[in-house]
């Protein structure tokens, strides 16, 4: 178990790969500390020869020093479009002069920034298909796995299922008819979707848009969706609707809720003892800690996974 993160420093063609076992769930707040403290933190992490397997990686950051580009993703990053956009806007002020990129499609988006052949070098992922009876008899509880929207003949059908997003894609295009037997619901507003994963199935335009990133799935399952394309990434529910050209005016989270979520994202985790790092930072002349929180950073002495 852990919160495994790779941090990559890129200087020209040289990549220096750092690793921490416990801080992928803190990437949002760690980055918000600013450029110099974050770089000092990375320098204390373990150096690795290779990037992790994407199946086990739970967070990733790349800093291209020449291009002044910061790219990142994390499984536990807030996944509502309005909050993500608010955070990215605020993060730019913490990293003046840097281009900031949220890598919504994880290592697929990271590979061009790394400048190496990463995706094709990973082992094939095994996926299992679900039984049709499980889809038809799917008992809907309080916490469904997927909210899905089907556009067919210019009409929208919205429903929920306990079948996983992975299973829907693995089943293939014939699942559309089965999904349409689910009880229809109204289009929910942002922040009111009960499911964490969202999928737009555009039968009219032969496209899947997934608010999630599943490594390797389209390589293995594209043949089950002939003529379809897939766009995926942890972009947020509203961004998924926008990709499908669905109007989102009036569906946004209220501003005060966005600010509450932003405050939670940027509040340092309380489960770590950062004494060594804070002492290290404050010893340097001119260093200013912008807020006082004794639990901002983990001890960053090297740890084995």
Foldseek 3Di string as FASTA:
>chain_A
DFQKEWEWEAEPLDIWIFIDGHCLLQVLQLLLQADPLSVVLRVQGHTDPDDDQPVPHAKYWYQHPVQQEIEIEGNNPDLAQLLVVVSVVSSCVRRPPHHYYYQFQPVVSVCVVNVDPDQVPHDADDADADDLVCLQVFDDDQAAAEWEWEADPNDIFTATGNDHPLNVLQVAPVCVVSNSNGDTDDDAFFPPDRHPKYWYQYPPQQEIEILHHDRNSCVPRVVRRPPHYYHYGSNHDVVSCVVVVHDRVPRYDPPVVSVVVNVVSNDADPPAACVVSVVVQVVDPPRDRPDDDRRRDHPNNYDDD
